[in-house]
């Protein structure tokens, strides 16, 4: 649920969560195939000026037990990478077009045998969402002041203002940015 107090901003980037997993039971072959797949992905990303890797978590030969990638279950000794690919949205590049570029990049990768790659999610985001905390807190404070003026004899309790800022797409180009706080109107003070 998106709270009533939120900022609406134009989306700046499209972020794809990508998983690469290698399942070969021979450790050396698995490591070589996995590194080849990672290098292939990195090379393709570097060829596109609008794309970058924001984050990469890699586990070599000892990945999560019973990890699922699409419909395939991989061995607990797999190598796996979880990568956040970022595609900038600029004039002339809308989110559906950027999403298709990301899908094409992943589907056209030349992968070694026993290596699979999958886009887990694609989401719209604003780059520096943390810089908006003060604006959100001010908007919440203004709302609380308005409610106090309306419900003068009622207590108002706020919770969750320390939580991380979240963002959710409203449509293909706008993002709702909010703190998932709670506001409770209590009993009368009389």
N, C-alpha and C. Protein backbone atom coordinates (compact mmCIF):
# COMPACT_ATOMS: atom_id res chain seq x y z
N UNK A 1 0.84 -1.18 0.00
CA UNK A 1 0.00 0.00 0.00
C UNK A 1 0.88 1.24 0.00
N UNK A 2 0.58 2.19 -0.86
CA UNK A 2 1.31 3.45 -0.92
C UNK A 2 0.58 4.47 -0.08
N UNK A 3 1.25 5.07 0.92
CA UNK A 3 0.58 6.07 1.77
C UNK A 3 0.14 7.29 0.96
N UNK A 4 -0.78 8.05 1.52
CA UNK A 4 -1.28 9.26 0.86
C UNK A 4 -0.17 10.29 0.70
N UNK A 5 0.74 10.36 1.66
CA UNK A 5 1.85 11.31 1.58
C UNK A 5 2.99 10.64 0.83
N UNK A 6 3.20 11.14 -0.37
CA UNK A 6 4.24 10.57 -1.24
C UNK A 6 4.67 11.64 -2.21
N UNK A 7 5.80 11.45 -2.80
CA UNK A 7 6.26 12.32 -3.88
C UNK A 7 6.11 11.54 -5.18
N UNK A 8 5.72 12.23 -6.22
CA UNK A 8 5.62 11.60 -7.53
C UNK A 8 6.71 12.21 -8.40
N UNK A 9 7.58 11.36 -8.91
CA UNK A 9 8.72 11.80 -9.72
C UNK A 9 8.72 11.04 -11.04
N UNK A 10 9.36 11.64 -12.02
CA UNK A 10 9.55 10.96 -13.30
C UNK A 10 10.62 9.88 -13.11
N UNK A 11 10.36 8.69 -13.63
CA UNK A 11 11.33 7.59 -13.53
C UNK A 11 12.60 7.99 -14.25
N UNK A 12 13.74 7.63 -13.66
CA UNK A 12 15.04 7.95 -14.24
C UNK A 12 15.75 6.73 -14.81
N UNK A 13 15.48 5.56 -14.22
CA UNK A 13 16.15 4.34 -14.66
C UNK A 13 15.20 3.16 -14.60
N UNK A 14 15.55 2.15 -15.37
CA UNK A 14 14.87 0.86 -15.33
C UNK A 14 15.89 -0.12 -14.75
N UNK A 15 15.52 -0.85 -13.71
CA UNK A 15 16.45 -1.76 -13.03
C UNK A 15 15.96 -3.19 -13.22
N UNK A 16 16.85 -4.04 -13.73
CA UNK A 16 16.53 -5.46 -13.92
C UNK A 16 17.36 -6.28 -12.95
N UNK A 17 16.70 -7.15 -12.19
CA UNK A 17 17.40 -8.10 -11.32
C UNK A 17 17.63 -9.35 -12.15
N UNK A 18 18.90 -9.65 -12.39
CA UNK A 18 19.29 -10.76 -13.26
C UNK A 18 20.02 -11.81 -12.44
N UNK A 19 19.71 -13.07 -12.68
CA UNK A 19 20.41 -14.17 -12.03
C UNK A 19 21.10 -15.02 -13.09
N UNK A 20 22.37 -15.33 -12.83
CA UNK A 20 23.13 -16.26 -13.66
C UNK A 20 23.51 -17.41 -12.75
N UNK A 21 23.30 -18.65 -13.19
CA UNK A 21 23.66 -19.81 -12.37
C UNK A 21 24.30 -20.88 -13.24
N UNK A 22 25.34 -21.50 -12.70
CA UNK A 22 26.04 -22.60 -13.39
C UNK A 22 25.87 -23.85 -12.55
N UNK A 23 25.59 -24.99 -13.21
CA UNK A 23 25.26 -26.19 -12.45
C UNK A 23 26.14 -27.39 -12.74
N UNK A 24 27.22 -27.21 -13.48
CA UNK A 24 28.09 -28.33 -13.81
C UNK A 24 28.69 -28.92 -12.54
N UNK A 25 28.70 -30.25 -12.42
CA UNK A 25 29.20 -30.88 -11.19
C UNK A 25 30.72 -30.90 -11.11
N UNK A 26 31.42 -30.63 -12.19
CA UNK A 26 32.88 -30.55 -12.18
C UNK A 26 33.29 -29.13 -11.83
N UNK A 27 33.92 -28.93 -10.71
CA UNK A 27 34.20 -27.60 -10.17
C UNK A 27 34.94 -26.71 -11.15
N UNK A 28 35.99 -27.22 -11.78
CA UNK A 28 36.78 -26.38 -12.69
C UNK A 28 35.97 -25.98 -13.92
N UNK A 29 35.21 -26.92 -14.47
CA UNK A 29 34.39 -26.62 -15.63
C UNK A 29 33.30 -25.62 -15.27
N UNK A 30 32.70 -25.80 -14.10
CA UNK A 30 31.65 -24.89 -13.65
C UNK A 30 32.21 -23.48 -13.50
N UNK A 31 33.37 -23.35 -12.86
CA UNK A 31 33.97 -22.03 -12.64
C UNK A 31 34.29 -21.36 -13.97
N UNK A 32 34.84 -22.11 -14.92
CA UNK A 32 35.20 -21.55 -16.22
C UNK A 32 33.95 -21.11 -16.99
N UNK A 33 32.92 -21.94 -17.00
CA UNK A 33 31.68 -21.61 -17.71
C UNK A 33 31.00 -20.41 -17.07
N UNK A 34 31.00 -20.40 -15.76
CA UNK A 34 30.35 -19.31 -15.03
C UNK A 34 31.07 -17.99 -15.31
N UNK A 35 32.39 -17.98 -15.24
CA UNK A 35 33.16 -16.76 -15.50
C UNK A 35 32.98 -16.31 -16.95
N UNK A 36 32.89 -17.24 -17.88
CA UNK A 36 32.66 -16.89 -19.28
C UNK A 36 31.31 -16.20 -19.45
N UNK A 37 30.28 -16.71 -18.76
CA UNK A 37 28.94 -16.10 -18.83
C UNK A 37 28.96 -14.70 -18.22
N UNK A 38 29.61 -14.54 -17.07
CA UNK A 38 29.71 -13.22 -16.44
C UNK A 38 30.44 -12.23 -17.35
N UNK A 39 31.55 -12.66 -17.94
CA UNK A 39 32.32 -11.79 -18.83
C UNK A 39 31.50 -11.41 -20.06
N UNK A 40 30.72 -12.35 -20.57
CA UNK A 40 29.87 -12.08 -21.72
C UNK A 40 28.83 -11.01 -21.37
N UNK A 41 28.19 -11.15 -20.21
CA UNK A 41 27.20 -10.17 -19.77
C UNK A 41 27.85 -8.80 -19.58
N UNK A 42 28.98 -8.75 -18.89
CA UNK A 42 29.67 -7.48 -18.65
C UNK A 42 30.06 -6.81 -19.97
N UNK A 43 30.54 -7.60 -20.93
CA UNK A 43 30.94 -7.05 -22.22
C UNK A 43 29.75 -6.44 -22.96
N UNK A 44 28.61 -7.14 -22.95
CA UNK A 44 27.41 -6.63 -23.61
C UNK A 44 26.92 -5.34 -22.95
N UNK A 45 26.96 -5.29 -21.62
CA UNK A 45 26.53 -4.09 -20.89
C UNK A 45 27.45 -2.92 -21.23
N UNK A 46 28.74 -3.17 -21.31
CA UNK A 46 29.69 -2.08 -21.58
C UNK A 46 29.53 -1.51 -22.99
N UNK A 47 28.91 -2.25 -23.89
CA UNK A 47 28.69 -1.77 -25.27
C UNK A 47 27.53 -0.79 -25.37
N UNK A 48 26.71 -0.71 -24.34
CA UNK A 48 25.53 0.16 -24.37
C UNK A 48 25.75 1.32 -23.40
N UNK A 49 25.82 2.55 -23.94
CA UNK A 49 26.10 3.73 -23.11
C UNK A 49 25.01 4.00 -22.08
N UNK A 50 23.79 3.52 -22.32
CA UNK A 50 22.69 3.76 -21.38
C UNK A 50 22.60 2.71 -20.29
N UNK A 51 23.50 1.72 -20.30
CA UNK A 51 23.40 0.60 -19.37
C UNK A 51 24.62 0.51 -18.47
N UNK A 52 24.39 0.02 -17.25
CA UNK A 52 25.49 -0.22 -16.32
C UNK A 52 25.08 -1.31 -15.33
N UNK A 53 26.08 -1.83 -14.63
CA UNK A 53 25.82 -2.79 -13.56
C UNK A 53 25.89 -2.02 -12.25
N UNK A 54 24.78 -1.99 -11.54
CA UNK A 54 24.69 -1.24 -10.29
C UNK A 54 25.25 -2.04 -9.13
N UNK A 55 24.99 -3.33 -9.13
CA UNK A 55 25.37 -4.20 -8.02
C UNK A 55 25.55 -5.62 -8.53
N UNK A 56 26.51 -6.32 -7.93
CA UNK A 56 26.74 -7.72 -8.30
C UNK A 56 27.12 -8.51 -7.06
N UNK A 57 26.35 -9.54 -6.78
CA UNK A 57 26.68 -10.49 -5.70
C UNK A 57 26.97 -11.83 -6.37
N UNK A 58 28.16 -12.35 -6.12
CA UNK A 58 28.57 -13.59 -6.75
C UNK A 58 28.99 -14.61 -5.72
N UNK A 59 28.57 -15.86 -5.92
CA UNK A 59 28.97 -16.97 -5.05
C UNK A 59 29.58 -18.03 -5.97
N UNK A 60 30.81 -18.41 -5.70
CA UNK A 60 31.49 -19.41 -6.51
C UNK A 60 31.39 -20.77 -5.85
N UNK A 61 30.84 -21.74 -6.58
CA UNK A 61 30.81 -23.14 -6.17
C UNK A 61 30.38 -23.39 -4.75
N UNK A 62 29.24 -23.00 -4.37
CA UNK A 62 28.72 -23.22 -3.02
C UNK A 62 27.52 -22.35 -2.81
N UNK A 63 26.74 -22.21 -3.87
CA UNK A 63 25.57 -21.34 -3.82
C UNK A 63 24.50 -21.87 -2.90
N UNK A 64 23.38 -21.20 -2.93
CA UNK A 64 22.28 -21.51 -2.02
C UNK A 64 21.72 -22.91 -2.29
N UNK A 65 21.47 -23.62 -1.24
CA UNK A 65 20.93 -24.97 -1.36
C UNK A 65 19.52 -24.91 -1.94
N UNK A 66 19.27 -25.76 -2.92
CA UNK A 66 17.93 -25.85 -3.49
C UNK A 66 17.49 -24.58 -4.20
N UNK A 67 18.41 -23.83 -4.77
CA UNK A 67 18.08 -22.58 -5.44
C UNK A 67 17.36 -22.86 -6.75
N UNK A 68 16.29 -22.12 -7.03
CA UNK A 68 15.53 -22.30 -8.25
C UNK A 68 15.79 -21.15 -9.21
N UNK A 69 16.00 -21.47 -10.45
CA UNK A 69 16.11 -20.49 -11.51
C UNK A 69 15.10 -20.91 -12.56
N UNK A 70 14.03 -20.15 -12.68
CA UNK A 70 12.92 -20.49 -13.54
C UNK A 70 12.37 -21.83 -13.08
N UNK A 71 12.32 -22.83 -13.96
CA UNK A 71 11.76 -24.11 -13.56
C UNK A 71 12.85 -25.13 -13.23
N UNK A 72 14.11 -24.73 -13.33
CA UNK A 72 15.20 -25.67 -13.08
C UNK A 72 15.74 -25.52 -11.66
N UNK A 73 16.01 -26.64 -11.02
CA UNK A 73 16.60 -26.62 -9.69
C UNK A 73 18.08 -26.96 -9.82
N UNK A 74 18.92 -26.11 -9.24
CA UNK A 74 20.35 -26.31 -9.37
C UNK A 74 20.94 -26.94 -8.12
N UNK A 75 22.04 -27.61 -8.31
CA UNK A 75 22.79 -28.27 -7.25
C UNK A 75 23.26 -27.24 -6.23
N UNK A 76 23.38 -27.66 -4.98
CA UNK A 76 23.80 -26.76 -3.90
C UNK A 76 25.23 -26.27 -4.09
N UNK A 77 25.99 -26.92 -4.96
CA UNK A 77 27.37 -26.51 -5.18
C UNK A 77 27.50 -25.59 -6.40
N UNK A 78 26.42 -24.97 -6.80
CA UNK A 78 26.43 -24.12 -7.98
C UNK A 78 27.18 -22.82 -7.75
N UNK A 79 27.57 -22.20 -8.83
CA UNK A 79 28.05 -20.83 -8.81
C UNK A 79 26.89 -19.97 -9.29
N UNK A 80 26.67 -18.85 -8.62
CA UNK A 80 25.54 -17.99 -8.99
C UNK A 80 25.91 -16.53 -8.82
N UNK A 81 25.30 -15.69 -9.65
CA UNK A 81 25.48 -14.24 -9.55
C UNK A 81 24.10 -13.60 -9.60
N UNK A 82 23.92 -12.61 -8.75
CA UNK A 82 22.69 -11.82 -8.72
C UNK A 82 23.13 -10.40 -9.07
N UNK A 83 22.66 -9.90 -10.19
CA UNK A 83 23.15 -8.66 -10.75
C UNK A 83 21.98 -7.69 -10.93
N UNK A 84 22.22 -6.42 -10.58
CA UNK A 84 21.26 -5.36 -10.87
C UNK A 84 21.77 -4.60 -12.09
N UNK A 85 21.07 -4.74 -13.19
CA UNK A 85 21.38 -4.01 -14.42
C UNK A 85 20.53 -2.75 -14.45
N UNK A 86 21.15 -1.64 -14.80
CA UNK A 86 20.45 -0.36 -14.84
C UNK A 86 20.47 0.17 -16.26
N UNK A 87 19.30 0.58 -16.74
CA UNK A 87 19.18 1.21 -18.05
C UNK A 87 18.63 2.61 -17.82
N UNK A 88 19.39 3.63 -18.19
CA UNK A 88 18.95 5.02 -18.03
C UNK A 88 17.79 5.32 -18.96
N UNK A 89 16.85 6.10 -18.45
CA UNK A 89 15.73 6.56 -19.26
C UNK A 89 16.00 8.02 -19.58
N UNK A 90 16.13 8.32 -20.82
CA UNK A 90 16.39 9.69 -21.27
C UNK A 90 15.36 10.02 -22.34
N UNK A 91 15.28 11.27 -22.76
CA UNK A 91 14.31 11.61 -23.81
C UNK A 91 14.51 10.69 -25.02
N UNK A 92 13.42 10.16 -25.51
CA UNK A 92 13.48 9.25 -26.65
C UNK A 92 13.62 7.79 -26.27
N UNK A 93 13.87 7.50 -24.97
CA UNK A 93 13.97 6.11 -24.50
C UNK A 93 12.92 5.92 -23.41
N UNK A 94 11.80 5.31 -23.74
CA UNK A 94 10.77 5.09 -22.73
C UNK A 94 10.99 3.74 -22.04
N UNK A 95 10.24 3.49 -20.99
CA UNK A 95 10.46 2.28 -20.20
C UNK A 95 10.17 0.99 -20.96
N UNK A 96 9.11 0.90 -21.79
CA UNK A 96 8.92 -0.35 -22.55
C UNK A 96 10.08 -0.63 -23.51
N UNK A 97 10.60 0.41 -24.15
CA UNK A 97 11.73 0.22 -25.07
C UNK A 97 12.98 -0.22 -24.31
N UNK A 98 13.24 0.41 -23.15
CA UNK A 98 14.40 0.04 -22.33
C UNK A 98 14.25 -1.39 -21.82
N UNK A 99 13.05 -1.78 -21.42
CA UNK A 99 12.81 -3.15 -20.94
C UNK A 99 13.09 -4.15 -22.05
N UNK A 100 12.71 -3.82 -23.27
CA UNK A 100 12.96 -4.72 -24.38
C UNK A 100 14.46 -4.83 -24.67
N UNK A 101 15.19 -3.73 -24.53
CA UNK A 101 16.65 -3.77 -24.70
C UNK A 101 17.26 -4.72 -23.68
N UNK A 102 16.81 -4.63 -22.41
CA UNK A 102 17.32 -5.52 -21.36
C UNK A 102 16.98 -6.98 -21.65
N UNK A 103 15.75 -7.23 -22.06
CA UNK A 103 15.34 -8.61 -22.37
C UNK A 103 16.15 -9.17 -23.54
N UNK A 104 16.35 -8.34 -24.57
CA UNK A 104 17.13 -8.78 -25.73
C UNK A 104 18.57 -9.09 -25.32
N UNK A 105 19.16 -8.23 -24.50
CA UNK A 105 20.54 -8.45 -24.06
C UNK A 105 20.67 -9.81 -23.38
N UNK A 106 19.76 -10.10 -22.46
CA UNK A 106 19.82 -11.36 -21.71
C UNK A 106 19.52 -12.56 -22.61
N UNK A 107 18.53 -12.44 -23.47
CA UNK A 107 18.17 -13.60 -24.31
C UNK A 107 19.20 -13.90 -25.39
N UNK A 108 19.99 -12.91 -25.79
CA UNK A 108 20.96 -13.13 -26.86
C UNK A 108 22.37 -13.44 -26.37
N UNK A 109 22.54 -13.57 -25.06
CA UNK A 109 23.86 -13.92 -24.54
C UNK A 109 24.28 -15.30 -25.03
N UNK A 110 25.51 -15.42 -25.44
CA UNK A 110 26.07 -16.72 -25.82
C UNK A 110 26.57 -17.37 -24.53
N UNK A 111 25.83 -18.35 -24.04
CA UNK A 111 26.14 -18.97 -22.75
C UNK A 111 26.77 -20.34 -22.92
N UNK A 112 27.73 -20.65 -22.07
CA UNK A 112 28.28 -22.02 -22.04
C UNK A 112 27.20 -23.01 -21.60
N UNK A 113 27.43 -24.27 -21.90
CA UNK A 113 26.52 -25.34 -21.47
C UNK A 113 26.42 -25.32 -19.95
N UNK A 114 25.30 -25.66 -19.39
CA UNK A 114 25.05 -25.72 -17.95
C UNK A 114 25.07 -24.36 -17.26
N UNK A 115 24.89 -23.30 -18.01
CA UNK A 115 24.75 -21.96 -17.42
C UNK A 115 23.41 -21.40 -17.87
N UNK A 116 22.65 -20.88 -16.94
CA UNK A 116 21.35 -20.29 -17.25
C UNK A 116 21.33 -18.85 -16.76
N UNK A 117 20.59 -18.01 -17.46
CA UNK A 117 20.44 -16.62 -17.06
C UNK A 117 18.96 -16.27 -17.15
N UNK A 118 18.52 -15.44 -16.22
CA UNK A 118 17.10 -15.08 -16.18
C UNK A 118 16.94 -13.69 -15.59
N UNK A 119 16.02 -12.91 -16.16
CA UNK A 119 15.63 -11.65 -15.55
C UNK A 119 14.54 -11.98 -14.54
N UNK A 120 14.81 -11.71 -13.27
CA UNK A 120 13.83 -12.01 -12.22
C UNK A 120 12.75 -10.94 -12.16
N UNK A 121 13.16 -9.66 -12.17
CA UNK A 121 12.20 -8.56 -12.14
C UNK A 121 12.77 -7.37 -12.91
N UNK A 122 11.87 -6.53 -13.37
CA UNK A 122 12.25 -5.25 -13.98
C UNK A 122 11.39 -4.19 -13.31
N UNK A 123 12.03 -3.12 -12.83
CA UNK A 123 11.28 -2.07 -12.14
C UNK A 123 11.80 -0.69 -12.51
N UNK A 124 10.90 0.28 -12.46
CA UNK A 124 11.26 1.67 -12.66
C UNK A 124 11.73 2.25 -11.34
N UNK A 125 12.72 3.14 -11.38
CA UNK A 125 13.22 3.75 -10.16
C UNK A 125 13.72 5.16 -10.41
N UNK A 126 13.91 5.87 -9.30
CA UNK A 126 14.58 7.16 -9.27
C UNK A 126 15.96 6.87 -8.71
N UNK A 127 16.99 7.52 -9.22
CA UNK A 127 18.36 7.20 -8.82
C UNK A 127 18.66 7.43 -7.34
N UNK A 128 18.61 8.67 -6.88
CA UNK A 128 19.05 9.00 -5.52
C UNK A 128 17.85 9.21 -4.62
N UNK A 129 17.14 8.14 -4.35
CA UNK A 129 15.91 8.22 -3.57
C UNK A 129 16.17 8.68 -2.13
N UNK A 130 17.33 8.38 -1.57
CA UNK A 130 17.64 8.76 -0.19
C UNK A 130 17.67 10.28 -0.01
N UNK A 131 17.99 11.01 -1.06
CA UNK A 131 18.05 12.47 -0.97
C UNK A 131 16.66 13.10 -0.79
N UNK A 132 15.61 12.30 -0.96
CA UNK A 132 14.25 12.81 -0.85
C UNK A 132 13.64 12.64 0.54
N UNK A 133 14.40 12.06 1.48
CA UNK A 133 13.88 11.80 2.84
C UNK A 133 13.37 13.09 3.50
N UNK A 134 14.15 14.15 3.45
CA UNK A 134 13.76 15.40 4.12
C UNK A 134 12.47 15.95 3.55
N UNK A 135 12.33 15.92 2.24
CA UNK A 135 11.09 16.40 1.60
C UNK A 135 9.89 15.56 2.04
N UNK A 136 10.08 14.25 2.12
CA UNK A 136 8.99 13.37 2.58
C UNK A 136 8.62 13.65 4.03
N UNK A 137 9.62 13.79 4.88
CA UNK A 137 9.34 14.07 6.30
C UNK A 137 8.63 15.41 6.47
N UNK A 138 9.00 16.41 5.69
CA UNK A 138 8.31 17.70 5.75
C UNK A 138 6.86 17.58 5.30
N UNK A 139 6.62 16.81 4.25
CA UNK A 139 5.25 16.61 3.77
C UNK A 139 4.41 15.86 4.81
N UNK A 140 5.00 14.89 5.48
CA UNK A 140 4.29 14.16 6.55
C UNK A 140 3.99 15.10 7.71
N UNK A 141 4.96 15.92 8.10
CA UNK A 141 4.75 16.88 9.20
C UNK A 141 3.63 17.86 8.86
N UNK A 142 3.57 18.33 7.64
CA UNK A 142 2.51 19.24 7.21
C UNK A 142 1.15 18.54 7.29
N UNK A 143 1.09 17.29 6.90
CA UNK A 143 -0.16 16.52 6.97
C UNK A 143 -0.60 16.33 8.41
N UNK A 144 0.35 16.02 9.29
CA UNK A 144 0.02 15.84 10.71
C UNK A 144 -0.48 17.15 11.30
N UNK A 145 0.13 18.27 10.96
CA UNK A 145 -0.33 19.58 11.45
C UNK A 145 -1.76 19.85 10.97
N UNK A 146 -2.06 19.51 9.72
CA UNK A 146 -3.41 19.68 9.18
C UNK A 146 -4.41 18.82 9.94
N UNK A 147 -4.04 17.57 10.22
CA UNK A 147 -4.93 16.67 10.97
C UNK A 147 -5.13 17.16 12.41
N UNK A 148 -4.07 17.69 13.02
CA UNK A 148 -4.20 18.22 14.40
C UNK A 148 -5.16 19.41 14.43
N UNK A 149 -5.16 20.21 13.38
CA UNK A 149 -6.07 21.34 13.31
C UNK A 149 -7.52 20.86 13.17
N UNK A 150 -7.72 19.78 12.43
CA UNK A 150 -9.06 19.24 12.23
C UNK A 150 -9.53 18.47 13.46
N UNK A 151 -8.69 17.60 14.01
CA UNK A 151 -9.05 16.74 15.13
C UNK A 151 -8.32 17.22 16.39
N UNK A 152 -8.68 18.40 16.86
CA UNK A 152 -7.96 19.04 17.95
C UNK A 152 -7.98 18.24 19.26
N UNK A 153 -9.00 17.53 19.50
CA UNK A 153 -9.14 16.79 20.75
C UNK A 153 -8.73 15.31 20.63
N UNK A 154 -8.03 14.96 19.57
CA UNK A 154 -7.67 13.57 19.32
C UNK A 154 -6.15 13.42 19.25
N UNK A 155 -5.65 12.35 19.85
CA UNK A 155 -4.20 12.12 19.78
C UNK A 155 -3.85 11.53 18.40
N UNK A 156 -2.64 11.87 17.96
CA UNK A 156 -2.15 11.36 16.68
C UNK A 156 -0.81 10.70 16.94
N UNK A 157 -0.68 9.45 16.50
CA UNK A 157 0.57 8.71 16.69
C UNK A 157 1.14 8.33 15.32
N UNK A 158 2.45 8.58 15.20
CA UNK A 158 3.17 8.22 13.98
C UNK A 158 4.13 7.08 14.28
N UNK A 159 4.30 6.20 13.34
CA UNK A 159 5.27 5.11 13.49
C UNK A 159 5.93 4.82 12.16
N UNK A 160 7.15 4.35 12.19
CA UNK A 160 7.83 3.89 10.99
C UNK A 160 8.56 4.95 10.20
N UNK A 161 8.73 6.15 10.76
CA UNK A 161 9.42 7.20 10.01
C UNK A 161 10.90 6.88 9.77
N UNK A 162 11.44 5.93 10.54
CA UNK A 162 12.85 5.55 10.37
C UNK A 162 13.04 4.53 9.25
N UNK A 163 11.95 4.01 8.70
CA UNK A 163 12.04 2.98 7.65
C UNK A 163 12.68 3.54 6.39
N UNK A 164 13.20 2.63 5.58
CA UNK A 164 13.81 3.01 4.30
C UNK A 164 12.75 3.55 3.35
N UNK A 165 13.16 4.45 2.51
CA UNK A 165 12.27 5.00 1.49
C UNK A 165 12.01 3.92 0.44
N UNK A 166 10.77 3.82 0.02
CA UNK A 166 10.40 2.86 -1.01
C UNK A 166 9.91 3.60 -2.24
N UNK A 167 9.92 2.91 -3.35
CA UNK A 167 9.41 3.50 -4.58
C UNK A 167 8.60 2.44 -5.34
N UNK A 168 7.55 2.91 -5.97
CA UNK A 168 6.67 2.01 -6.72
C UNK A 168 6.19 2.73 -7.99
N UNK A 169 6.22 2.03 -9.09
CA UNK A 169 5.78 2.62 -10.36
C UNK A 169 4.28 2.88 -10.32
N UNK A 170 3.89 4.07 -10.76
CA UNK A 170 2.47 4.40 -10.90
C UNK A 170 1.99 4.10 -12.31
N UNK A 171 2.91 4.24 -13.28
CA UNK A 171 2.61 3.97 -14.68
C UNK A 171 3.96 3.75 -15.38
N UNK A 172 4.01 3.89 -16.69
CA UNK A 172 5.26 3.65 -17.44
C UNK A 172 6.31 4.73 -17.28
N UNK A 173 5.96 5.84 -16.61
CA UNK A 173 6.94 6.93 -16.52
C UNK A 173 7.04 7.60 -15.15
N UNK A 174 6.11 7.31 -14.24
CA UNK A 174 6.11 7.99 -12.94
C UNK A 174 6.28 7.01 -11.78
N UNK A 175 6.96 7.51 -10.75
CA UNK A 175 7.25 6.72 -9.56
C UNK A 175 6.66 7.41 -8.34
N UNK A 176 6.01 6.64 -7.47
CA UNK A 176 5.59 7.13 -6.16
C UNK A 176 6.71 6.80 -5.19
N UNK A 177 7.19 7.83 -4.48
CA UNK A 177 8.29 7.67 -3.53
C UNK A 177 7.71 7.97 -2.15
N UNK A 178 7.92 7.06 -1.20
CA UNK A 178 7.27 7.21 0.09
C UNK A 178 8.04 6.50 1.20
N UNK A 179 7.73 6.90 2.42
CA UNK A 179 8.19 6.18 3.61
C UNK A 179 6.99 5.37 4.07
N UNK A 180 7.10 4.07 4.27
CA UNK A 180 5.93 3.26 4.68
C UNK A 180 5.64 3.44 6.18
N UNK A 181 5.16 4.62 6.51
CA UNK A 181 4.88 4.96 7.91
C UNK A 181 3.42 4.65 8.25
N UNK A 182 3.11 4.70 9.54
CA UNK A 182 1.73 4.52 9.96
C UNK A 182 1.30 5.77 10.74
N UNK A 183 0.04 6.12 10.61
CA UNK A 183 -0.55 7.25 11.33
C UNK A 183 -1.83 6.76 11.97
N UNK A 184 -1.95 6.94 13.27
CA UNK A 184 -3.11 6.46 14.00
C UNK A 184 -3.76 7.63 14.74
N UNK A 185 -5.05 7.81 14.47
CA UNK A 185 -5.82 8.78 15.24
C UNK A 185 -6.37 8.05 16.45
N UNK A 186 -6.03 8.57 17.63
CA UNK A 186 -6.43 7.90 18.87
C UNK A 186 -7.72 8.45 19.43
N UNK A 187 -7.95 8.12 20.69
CA UNK A 187 -9.16 8.56 21.40
C UNK A 187 -9.10 10.04 21.71
N UNK A 188 -10.23 10.60 21.99
CA UNK A 188 -10.32 12.01 22.37
C UNK A 188 -9.50 12.27 23.62
N UNK A 189 -8.88 13.46 23.72
CA UNK A 189 -8.05 13.81 24.87
C UNK A 189 -8.88 14.24 26.07
N UNK A 190 -10.19 14.40 25.94
CA UNK A 190 -11.03 14.85 27.06
C UNK A 190 -11.09 13.88 28.17
